[in-house]
Amino acid sequence: MIKATGLPRRIDHLGRIVVPVEMRRMLEISPGDELEISVQGDSITLSPLKKGCVFCGTEEGLRTYRDKEICPSCASELRTSFNGSHEHYEHQEHHE
């Protein structure tokens, strides 16, 4: 639900704005949290970034790798995929 607040904010010379504390509290946004910025028509929308696996979106058992969240199931699939590919490349090198 979009709610007009009547709180105009000025953009500073670096393109920053201050999100009012009342809005941050209402959406449980804390310093350091990431926000998703999107354009909808002629409006800019800020939304709290939901944590989830970068591949499947699940929120359970997440591990961070290079600033990305990955669930155990997708991590296992990646390991299997890369292990198979790695062995394939080694196999080709030995037969050339």
PDB file of N, CA and C in Angstrom:
ATOM      1  N   MET A   1       0.839  -1.178   0.000  1.00  0.00           N
ATOM      2  CA  MET A   1       0.000   0.000   0.000  1.00  0.00           C
ATOM      3  C   MET A   1       0.887   1.245   0.000  1.00  0.00           C
ATOM      4  N   ILE A   2       0.673   2.151  -0.953  1.00  0.00           N
ATOM      5  CA  ILE A   2       1.446   3.377  -1.026  1.00  0.00           C
ATOM      6  C   ILE A   2       0.723   4.436  -0.219  1.00  0.00           C
ATOM      7  N   LYS A   3       1.466   5.081   0.653  1.00  0.00           N
ATOM      8  CA  LYS A   3       0.877   6.054   1.556  1.00  0.00           C
ATOM      9  C   LYS A   3       1.626   7.374   1.411  1.00  0.00           C
ATOM     10  N   ALA A   4       0.933   8.423   1.033  1.00  0.00           N
ATOM     11  CA  ALA A   4       1.562   9.743   0.921  1.00  0.00           C
ATOM     12  C   ALA A   4       1.790  10.285   2.330  1.00  0.00           C
ATOM     13  N   THR A   5       2.984  10.797   2.574  1.00  0.00           N
ATOM     14  CA  THR A   5       3.300  11.278   3.917  1.00  0.00           C
ATOM     15  C   THR A   5       3.337  12.788   4.001  1.00  0.00           C
ATOM     16  N   GLY A   6       3.477  13.451   2.852  1.00  0.00           N
ATOM     17  CA  GLY A   6       3.573  14.901   2.895  1.00  0.00           C
ATOM     18  C   GLY A   6       4.903  15.369   3.454  1.00  0.00           C
ATOM     19  N   LEU A   7       5.925  14.529   3.398  1.00  0.00           N
ATOM     20  CA  LEU A   7       7.247  14.887   3.913  1.00  0.00           C
ATOM     21  C   LEU A   7       8.217  15.057   2.750  1.00  0.00           C
ATOM     22  N   PRO A   8       8.266  16.242   2.154  1.00  0.00           N
ATOM     23  CA  PRO A   8       9.221  16.424   1.046  1.00  0.00           C
ATOM     24  C   PRO A   8      10.658  16.350   1.559  1.00  0.00           C
ATOM     25  N   ARG A   9      11.510  15.778   0.754  1.00  0.00           N
ATOM     26  CA  ARG A   9      12.925  15.656   1.086  1.00  0.00           C
ATOM     27  C   ARG A   9      13.746  16.209  -0.062  1.00  0.00           C
ATOM     28  N   ARG A  10      14.815  16.900   0.275  1.00  0.00           N
ATOM     29  CA  ARG A  10      15.704  17.470  -0.727  1.00  0.00           C
ATOM     30  C   ARG A  10      16.864  16.502  -0.976  1.00  0.00           C
ATOM     31  N   ILE A  11      17.234  16.328  -2.236  1.00  0.00           N
ATOM     32  CA  ILE A  11      18.382  15.493  -2.604  1.00  0.00           C
ATOM     33  C   ILE A  11      19.636  16.349  -2.463  1.00  0.00           C
ATOM     34  N   ASP A  12      20.674  15.805  -1.788  1.00  0.00           N
ATOM     35  CA  ASP A  12      21.908  16.584  -1.628  1.00  0.00           C
ATOM     36  C   ASP A  12      22.775  16.484  -2.883  1.00  0.00           C
ATOM     37  N   HIS A  13      23.925  17.148  -2.851  1.00  0.00           N
ATOM     38  CA  HIS A  13      24.784  17.208  -4.035  1.00  0.00           C
ATOM     39  C   HIS A  13      25.363  15.853  -4.445  1.00  0.00           C
ATOM     40  N   LEU A  14      25.284  14.845  -3.577  1.00  0.00           N
ATOM     41  CA  LEU A  14      25.747  13.497  -3.911  1.00  0.00           C
ATOM     42  C   LEU A  14      24.590  12.576  -4.311  1.00  0.00           C
ATOM     43  N   GLY A  15      23.371  13.113  -4.394  1.00  0.00           N
ATOM     44  CA  GLY A  15      22.210  12.319  -4.782  1.00  0.00           C
ATOM     45  C   GLY A  15      21.556  11.574  -3.627  1.00  0.00           C
ATOM     46  N   ARG A  16      21.889  11.931  -2.402  1.00  0.00           N
ATOM     47  CA  ARG A  16      21.345  11.233  -1.229  1.00  0.00           C
ATOM     48  C   ARG A  16      20.091  11.929  -0.708  1.00  0.00           C
ATOM     49  N   ILE A  17      19.218  11.128  -0.091  1.00  0.00           N
ATOM     50  CA  ILE A  17      18.078  11.661   0.637  1.00  0.00           C
ATOM     51  C   ILE A  17      18.052  10.999   2.008  1.00  0.00           C
ATOM     52  N   VAL A  18      17.363  11.607   2.944  1.00  0.00           N
ATOM     53  CA  VAL A  18      17.200  11.022   4.270  1.00  0.00           C
ATOM     54  C   VAL A  18      15.800  10.417   4.339  1.00  0.00           C
ATOM     55  N   VAL A  19      15.737   9.131   4.656  1.00  0.00           N
ATOM     56  CA  VAL A  19      14.450   8.469   4.853  1.00  0.00           C
ATOM     57  C   VAL A  19      14.011   8.780   6.279  1.00  0.00           C
ATOM     58  N   PRO A  20      12.821   9.368   6.447  1.00  0.00           N
ATOM     59  CA  PRO A  20      12.358   9.753   7.785  1.00  0.00           C
ATOM     60  C   PRO A  20      12.370   8.580   8.764  1.00  0.00           C
ATOM     61  N   VAL A  21      12.737   8.859   9.994  1.00  0.00           N
ATOM     62  CA  VAL A  21      12.865   7.836  11.023  1.00  0.00           C
ATOM     63  C   VAL A  21      11.555   7.079  11.227  1.00  0.00           C
ATOM     64  N   GLU A  22      10.423   7.770  11.103  1.00  0.00           N
ATOM     65  CA  GLU A  22       9.129   7.092  11.281  1.00  0.00           C
ATOM     66  C   GLU A  22       8.950   5.989  10.238  1.00  0.00           C
ATOM     67  N   MET A  23       9.357   6.254   9.003  1.00  0.00           N
ATOM     68  CA  MET A  23       9.249   5.252   7.936  1.00  0.00           C
ATOM     69  C   MET A  23      10.213   4.105   8.170  1.00  0.00           C
ATOM     70  N   ARG A  24      11.432   4.431   8.613  1.00  0.00           N
ATOM     71  CA  ARG A  24      12.422   3.372   8.881  1.00  0.00           C
ATOM     72  C   ARG A  24      11.941   2.460   9.993  1.00  0.00           C
ATOM     73  N   ARG A  25      11.345   3.045  11.031  1.00  0.00           N
ATOM     74  CA  ARG A  25      10.827   2.226  12.138  1.00  0.00           C
ATOM     75  C   ARG A  25       9.674   1.353  11.666  1.00  0.00           C
ATOM     76  N   MET A  26       8.755   1.937  10.877  1.00  0.00           N
ATOM     77  CA  MET A  26       7.585   1.215  10.400  1.00  0.00           C
ATOM     78  C   MET A  26       7.998   0.005   9.555  1.00  0.00           C
ATOM     79  N   LEU A  27       9.055   0.156   8.738  1.00  0.00           N
ATOM     80  CA  LEU A  27       9.518  -0.921   7.867  1.00  0.00           C
ATOM     81  C   LEU A  27      10.688  -1.704   8.455  1.00  0.00           C
ATOM     82  N   GLU A  28      11.049  -1.394   9.702  1.00  0.00           N
ATOM     83  CA  GLU A  28      12.153  -2.061  10.404  1.00  0.00           C
ATOM     84  C   GLU A  28      13.447  -1.993   9.603  1.00  0.00           C
ATOM     85  N   ILE A  29      13.772  -0.793   9.112  1.00  0.00           N
ATOM     86  CA  ILE A  29      15.010  -0.551   8.366  1.00  0.00           C
ATOM     87  C   ILE A  29      16.025   0.031   9.335  1.00  0.00           C
ATOM     88  N   SER A  30      17.185  -0.580   9.412  1.00  0.00           N
ATOM     89  CA  SER A  30      18.245  -0.142  10.327  1.00  0.00           C
ATOM     90  C   SER A  30      19.442   0.361   9.532  1.00  0.00           C
ATOM     91  N   PRO A  31      20.315   1.170  10.171  1.00  0.00           N
ATOM     92  CA  PRO A  31      21.535   1.607   9.481  1.00  0.00           C
ATOM     93  C   PRO A  31      22.310   0.402   8.966  1.00  0.00           C
ATOM     94  N   GLY A  32      22.758   0.470   7.720  1.00  0.00           N
ATOM     95  CA  GLY A  32      23.507  -0.622   7.105  1.00  0.00           C
ATOM     96  C   GLY A  32      22.646  -1.581   6.306  1.00  0.00           C
ATOM     97  N   ASP A  33      21.306  -1.536   6.496  1.00  0.00           N
ATOM     98  CA  ASP A  33      20.426  -2.408   5.704  1.00  0.00           C
ATOM     99  C   ASP A  33      20.481  -2.000   4.236  1.00  0.00           C
ATOM    100  N   GLU A  34      20.283  -2.966   3.358  1.00  0.00           N
ATOM    101  CA  GLU A  34      20.261  -2.687   1.923  1.00  0.00           C
ATOM    102  C   GLU A  34      18.825  -2.438   1.476  1.00  0.00           C
ATOM    103  N   LEU A  35      18.671  -1.495   0.551  1.00  0.00           N
ATOM    104  CA  LEU A  35      17.370  -1.205  -0.034  1.00  0.00           C
ATOM    105  C   LEU A  35      17.433  -1.439  -1.526  1.00  0.00           C
ATOM    106  N   GLU A  36      16.342  -1.937  -2.082  1.00  0.00           N
ATOM    107  CA  GLU A  36      16.244  -2.097  -3.522  1.00  0.00           C
ATOM    108  C   GLU A  36      15.634  -0.817  -4.076  1.00  0.00           C
ATOM    109  N   ILE A  37      16.241  -0.265  -5.116  1.00  0.00           N
ATOM    110  CA  ILE A  37      15.758   0.953  -5.749  1.00  0.00           C
ATOM    111  C   ILE A  37      15.205   0.580  -7.110  1.00  0.00           C
ATOM    112  N   SER A  38      13.945   0.943  -7.366  1.00  0.00           N
ATOM    113  CA  SER A  38      13.346   0.636  -8.661  1.00  0.00           C
ATOM    114  C   SER A  38      12.527   1.825  -9.143  1.00  0.00           C
ATOM    115  N   VAL A  39      12.240   1.822 -10.438  1.00  0.00           N
ATOM    116  CA  VAL A  39      11.428   2.866 -11.048  1.00  0.00           C
ATOM    117  C   VAL A  39      10.114   2.246 -11.477  1.00  0.00           C
ATOM    118  N   GLN A  40       9.020   2.863 -11.070  1.00  0.00           N
ATOM    119  CA  GLN A  40       7.684   2.415 -11.465  1.00  0.00           C
ATOM    120  C   GLN A  40       6.958   3.624 -12.028  1.00  0.00           C
ATOM    121  N   GLY A  41       6.824   3.647 -13.347  1.00  0.00           N
ATOM    122  CA  GLY A  41       6.212   4.812 -13.998  1.00  0.00           C
ATOM    123  C   GLY A  41       7.098   6.027 -13.803  1.00  0.00           C
ATOM    124  N   ASP A  42       6.552   7.060 -13.177  1.00  0.00           N
ATOM    125  CA  ASP A  42       7.335   8.265 -12.918  1.00  0.00           C
ATOM    126  C   ASP A  42       7.747   8.372 -11.449  1.00  0.00           C
ATOM    127  N   SER A  43       7.773   7.233 -10.752  1.00  0.00           N
ATOM    128  CA  SER A  43       8.124   7.210  -9.333  1.00  0.00           C
ATOM    129  C   SER A  43       9.343   6.344  -9.076  1.00  0.00           C
ATOM    130  N   ILE A  44      10.099   6.720  -8.062  1.00  0.00           N
ATOM    131  CA  ILE A  44      11.222   5.912  -7.575  1.00  0.00           C
ATOM    132  C   ILE A  44      10.740   5.218  -6.314  1.00  0.00           C
ATOM    133  N   THR A  45      10.955   3.907  -6.237  1.00  0.00           N
ATOM    134  CA  THR A  45      10.506   3.126  -5.098  1.00  0.00           C
ATOM    135  C   THR A  45      11.710   2.549  -4.366  1.00  0.00           C
ATOM    136  N   LEU A  46      11.719   2.689  -3.043  1.00  0.00           N
ATOM    137  CA  LEU A  46      12.725   2.070  -2.177  1.00  0.00           C
ATOM    138  C   LEU A  46      12.038   0.961  -1.404  1.00  0.00           C
ATOM    139  N   SER A  47      12.606  -0.235  -1.434  1.00  0.00           N
ATOM    140  CA  SER A  47      12.033  -1.373  -0.709  1.00  0.00           C
ATOM    141  C   SER A  47      13.120  -2.071   0.069  1.00  0.00           C
ATOM    142  N   PRO A  48      12.813  -2.523   1.296  1.00  0.00           N
ATOM    143  CA  PRO A  48      13.802  -3.310   2.032  1.00  0.00           C
ATOM    144  C   PRO A  48      14.178  -4.536   1.210  1.00  0.00           C
ATOM    145  N   LEU A  49      15.468  -4.807   1.113  1.00  0.00           N
ATOM    146  CA  LEU A  49      15.949  -5.954   0.358  1.00  0.00           C
ATOM    147  C   LEU A  49      15.720  -7.205   1.184  1.00  0.00           C
ATOM    148  N   LYS A  50      14.994  -8.148   0.616  1.00  0.00           N
ATOM    149  CA  LYS A  50      14.719  -9.390   1.324  1.00  0.00           C
ATOM    150  C   LYS A  50      15.874 -10.335   1.121  1.00  0.00           C
ATOM    151  N   LYS A  51      16.335 -10.914   2.203  1.00  0.00           N
ATOM    152  CA  LYS A  51      17.422 -11.886   2.129  1.00  0.00           C
ATOM    153  C   LYS A  51      16.887 -13.192   1.582  1.00  0.00           C
ATOM    154  N   GLY A  52      17.673 -13.819   0.758  1.00  0.00           N
ATOM    155  CA  GLY A  52      17.298 -15.103   0.203  1.00  0.00           C
ATOM    156  C   GLY A  52      18.408 -15.604  -0.692  1.00  0.00           C
ATOM    157  N   CYS A  53      18.365 -16.878  -0.982  1.00  0.00           N
ATOM    158  CA  CYS A  53      19.343 -17.493  -1.874  1.00  0.00           C
ATOM    159  C   CYS A  53      19.291 -16.798  -3.229  1.00  0.00           C
ATOM    160  N   VAL A  54      20.448 -16.441  -3.777  1.00  0.00           N
ATOM    161  CA  VAL A  54      20.502 -15.743  -5.070  1.00  0.00           C
ATOM    162  C   VAL A  54      19.976 -16.616  -6.208  1.00  0.00           C
ATOM    163  N   PHE A  55      19.913 -17.917  -6.016  1.00  0.00           N
ATOM    164  CA  PHE A  55      19.461 -18.817  -7.069  1.00  0.00           C
ATOM    165  C   PHE A  55      17.992 -19.205  -6.932  1.00  0.00           C
ATOM    166  N   CYS A  56      17.553 -19.566  -5.722  1.00  0.00           N
ATOM    167  CA  CYS A  56      16.182 -20.075  -5.573  1.00  0.00           C
ATOM    168  C   CYS A  56      15.288 -19.207  -4.682  1.00  0.00           C
ATOM    169  N   GLY A  57      15.888 -18.281  -3.919  1.00  0.00           N
ATOM    170  CA  GLY A  57      15.094 -17.374  -3.097  1.00  0.00           C
ATOM    171  C   GLY A  57      14.781 -17.860  -1.696  1.00  0.00           C
ATOM    172  N   THR A  58      15.091 -19.109  -1.380  1.00  0.00           N
ATOM    173  CA  THR A  58      14.795 -19.611  -0.045  1.00  0.00           C
ATOM    174  C   THR A  58      15.535 -18.794   1.011  1.00  0.00           C
ATOM    175  N   GLU A  59      14.967 -18.729   2.213  1.00  0.00           N
ATOM    176  CA  GLU A  59      15.577 -17.955   3.293  1.00  0.00           C
ATOM    177  C   GLU A  59      16.181 -18.847   4.365  1.00  0.00           C
ATOM    178  N   GLU A  60      16.185 -20.159   4.165  1.00  0.00           N
ATOM    179  CA  GLU A  60      16.635 -21.096   5.194  1.00  0.00           C
ATOM    180  C   GLU A  60      18.075 -21.537   4.992  1.00  0.00           C
ATOM    181  N   GLY A  61      18.853 -21.542   6.082  1.00  0.00           N
ATOM    182  CA  GLY A  61      20.208 -22.092   6.080  1.00  0.00           C
ATOM    183  C   GLY A  61      21.195 -21.345   5.204  1.00  0.00           C
ATOM    184  N   LEU A  62      21.009 -20.061   5.036  1.00  0.00           N
ATOM    185  CA  LEU A  62      21.846 -19.296   4.114  1.00  0.00           C
ATOM    186  C   LEU A  62      23.283 -19.160   4.588  1.00  0.00           C
ATOM    187  N   ARG A  63      24.199 -19.202   3.658  1.00  0.00           N
ATOM    188  CA  ARG A  63      25.615 -18.930   3.873  1.00  0.00           C
ATOM    189  C   ARG A  63      26.005 -17.804   2.938  1.00  0.00           C
ATOM    190  N   THR A  64      26.918 -16.966   3.365  1.00  0.00           N
ATOM    191  CA  THR A  64      27.364 -15.857   2.528  1.00  0.00           C
ATOM    192  C   THR A  64      28.660 -16.225   1.836  1.00  0.00           C
ATOM    193  N   TYR A  65      28.710 -16.013   0.525  1.00  0.00           N
ATOM    194  CA  TYR A  65      29.914 -16.213  -0.262  1.00  0.00           C
ATOM    195  C   TYR A  65      30.051 -15.019  -1.184  1.00  0.00           C
ATOM    196  N   ARG A  66      31.148 -14.287  -1.036  1.00  0.00           N
ATOM    197  CA  ARG A  66      31.401 -13.084  -1.836  1.00  0.00           C
ATOM    198  C   ARG A  66      30.193 -12.151  -1.858  1.00  0.00           C
ATOM    199  N   ASP A  67      29.671 -11.872  -0.666  1.00  0.00           N
ATOM    200  CA  ASP A  67      28.533 -10.966  -0.462  1.00  0.00           C
ATOM    201  C   ASP A  67      27.232 -11.461  -1.090  1.00  0.00           C
ATOM    202  N   LYS A  68      27.121 -12.733  -1.386  1.00  0.00           N
ATOM    203  CA  LYS A  68      25.892 -13.323  -1.930  1.00  0.00           C
ATOM    204  C   LYS A  68      25.419 -14.414  -0.985  1.00  0.00           C
ATOM    205  N   GLU A  69      24.105 -14.503  -0.796  1.00  0.00           N
ATOM    206  CA  GLU A  69      23.520 -15.537   0.056  1.00  0.00           C
ATOM    207  C   GLU A  69      23.203 -16.766  -0.790  1.00  0.00           C
ATOM    208  N   ILE A  70      23.631 -17.947  -0.322  1.00  0.00           N
ATOM    209  CA  ILE A  70      23.405 -19.205  -1.038  1.00  0.00           C
ATOM    210  C   ILE A  70      22.896 -20.246  -0.043  1.00  0.00           C
ATOM    211  N   CYS A  71      21.847 -20.969  -0.427  1.00  0.00           N
ATOM    212  CA  CYS A  71      21.301 -22.009   0.449  1.00  0.00           C
ATOM    213  C   CYS A  71      22.114 -23.298   0.269  1.00  0.00           C
ATOM    214  N   PRO A  72      22.035 -24.217   1.234  1.00  0.00           N
ATOM    215  CA  PRO A  72      22.802 -25.466   1.144  1.00  0.00           C
ATOM    216  C   PRO A  72      22.483 -26.284  -0.108  1.00  0.00           C
ATOM    217  N   SER A  73      21.232 -26.329  -0.520  1.00  0.00           N
ATOM    218  CA  SER A  73      20.849 -27.120  -1.687  1.00  0.00           C
ATOM    219  C   SER A  73      21.503 -26.584  -2.963  1.00  0.00           C
ATOM    220  N   CYS A  74      21.444 -25.269  -3.167  1.00  0.00           N
ATOM    221  CA  CYS A  74      22.060 -24.682  -4.365  1.00  0.00           C
ATOM    222  C   CYS A  74      23.583 -24.777  -4.301  1.00  0.00           C
ATOM    223  N   ALA A  75      24.159 -24.642  -3.102  1.00  0.00           N
ATOM    224  CA  ALA A  75      25.607 -24.780  -2.956  1.00  0.00           C
ATOM    225  C   ALA A  75      26.033 -26.193  -3.345  1.00  0.00           C
ATOM    226  N   SER A  76      25.245 -27.178  -2.938  1.00  0.00           N
ATOM    227  CA  SER A  76      25.550 -28.568  -3.277  1.00  0.00           C
ATOM    228  C   SER A  76      25.470 -28.784  -4.789  1.00  0.00           C
ATOM    229  N   GLU A  77      24.430 -28.225  -5.419  1.00  0.00           N
ATOM    230  CA  GLU A  77      24.296 -28.352  -6.873  1.00  0.00           C
ATOM    231  C   GLU A  77      25.475 -27.700  -7.590  1.00  0.00           C
ATOM    232  N   LEU A  78      25.914 -26.542  -7.092  1.00  0.00           N
ATOM    233  CA  LEU A  78      27.065 -25.862  -7.696  1.00  0.00           C
ATOM    234  C   LEU A  78      28.324 -26.709  -7.572  1.00  0.00           C
ATOM    235  N   ARG A  79      28.537 -27.268  -6.362  1.00  0.00           N
ATOM    236  CA  ARG A  79      29.712 -28.123  -6.157  1.00  0.00           C
ATOM    237  C   ARG A  79      29.701 -29.287  -7.137  1.00  0.00           C
ATOM    238  N   THR A  80      28.559 -29.943  -7.254  1.00  0.00           N
ATOM    239  CA  THR A  80      28.432 -31.079  -8.161  1.00  0.00           C
ATOM    240  C   THR A  80      28.692 -30.651  -9.600  1.00  0.00           C
ATOM    241  N   SER A  81      28.107 -29.542  -9.980  1.00  0.00           N
ATOM    242  CA  SER A  81      28.261 -29.040 -11.344  1.00  0.00           C
ATOM    243  C   SER A  81      29.717 -28.701 -11.651  1.00  0.00           C
ATOM    244  N   PHE A  82      30.370 -27.988 -10.731  1.00  0.00           N
ATOM    245  CA  PHE A  82      31.752 -27.588 -10.971  1.00  0.00           C
ATOM    246  C   PHE A  82      32.715 -28.753 -10.848  1.00  0.00           C
ATOM    247  N   ASN A  83      32.453 -29.667  -9.942  1.00  0.00           N
ATOM    248  CA  ASN A  83      33.321 -30.842  -9.825  1.00  0.00           C
ATOM    249  C   ASN A  83      33.259 -31.657 -11.098  1.00  0.00           C
ATOM    250  N   GLY A  84      32.086 -31.844 -11.652  1.00  0.00           N
ATOM    251  CA  GLY A  84      31.939 -32.569 -12.909  1.00  0.00           C
ATOM    252  C   GLY A  84      32.639 -31.849 -14.044  1.00  0.00           C
ATOM    253  N   SER A  85      32.493 -30.528 -14.120  1.00  0.00           N
ATOM    254  CA  SER A  85      33.130 -29.744 -15.185  1.00  0.00           C
ATOM    255  C   SER A  85      34.637 -29.787 -15.043  1.00  0.00           C
ATOM    256  N   HIS A  86      35.129 -29.680 -13.803  1.00  0.00           N
ATOM    257  CA  HIS A  86      36.566 -29.671 -13.546  1.00  0.00           C
ATOM    258  C   HIS A  86      37.184 -30.999 -13.982  1.00  0.00           C
ATOM    259  N   GLU A  87      36.534 -32.095 -13.603  1.00  0.00           N
ATOM    260  CA  GLU A  87      37.047 -33.407 -13.987  1.00  0.00           C
ATOM    261  C   GLU A  87      37.027 -33.562 -15.502  1.00  0.00           C
ATOM    262  N   HIS A  88      36.010 -33.018 -16.144  1.00  0.00           N
ATOM    263  CA  HIS A  88      35.926 -33.099 -17.596  1.00  0.00           C
ATOM    264  C   HIS A  88      37.106 -32.385 -18.243  1.00  0.00           C
ATOM    265  N   TYR A  89      37.441 -31.190 -17.753  1.00  0.00           N
ATOM    266  CA  TYR A  89      38.553 -30.439 -18.330  1.00  0.00           C
ATOM    267  C   TYR A  89      39.881 -31.148 -18.072  1.00  0.00           C
ATOM    268  N   GLU A  90      40.061 -31.702 -16.866  1.00  0.00           N
ATOM    269  CA  GLU A  90      41.297 -32.435 -16.581  1.00  0.00           C
ATOM    270  C   GLU A  90      41.396 -33.660 -17.492  1.00  0.00           C
ATOM    271  N   HIS A  91      40.268 -34.322 -17.688  1.00  0.00           N
ATOM    272  CA  HIS A  91      40.239 -35.510 -18.536  1.00  0.00           C
ATOM    273  C   HIS A  91      40.642 -35.154 -19.980  1.00  0.00           C
ATOM    274  N   GLN A  92      40.149 -34.028 -20.489  1.00  0.00           N
ATOM    275  CA  GLN A  92      40.498 -33.614 -21.847  1.00  0.00           C
ATOM    276  C   GLN A  92      41.983 -33.290 -21.960  1.00  0.00           C
ATOM    277  N   GLU A  93      42.552 -32.609 -20.941  1.00  0.00           N
ATOM    278  CA  GLU A  93      43.963 -32.220 -20.985  1.00  0.00           C
ATOM    279  C   GLU A  93      44.865 -33.460 -21.033  1.00  0.00           C
ATOM    280  N   HIS A  94      44.502 -34.519 -20.310  1.00  0.00           N
ATOM    281  CA  HIS A  94      45.328 -35.727 -20.271  1.00  0.00           C
ATOM    282  C   HIS A  94      45.288 -36.501 -21.575  1.00  0.00           C
ATOM    283  N   HIS A  95      44.269 -36.308 -22.383  1.00  0.00           N
ATOM    284  CA  HIS A  95      44.119 -37.063 -23.619  1.00  0.00           C
ATOM    285  C   HIS A  95      44.490 -36.283 -24.866  1.00  0.00           C
ATOM    286  N   GLU A  96      45.047 -35.096 -24.694  1.00  0.00           N
ATOM    287  CA  GLU A  96      45.427 -34.312 -25.879  1.00  0.00           C
ATOM    288  C   GLU A  96      46.863 -34.511 -26.223  1.00  0.00           C
TER     289      GLU A  96
END
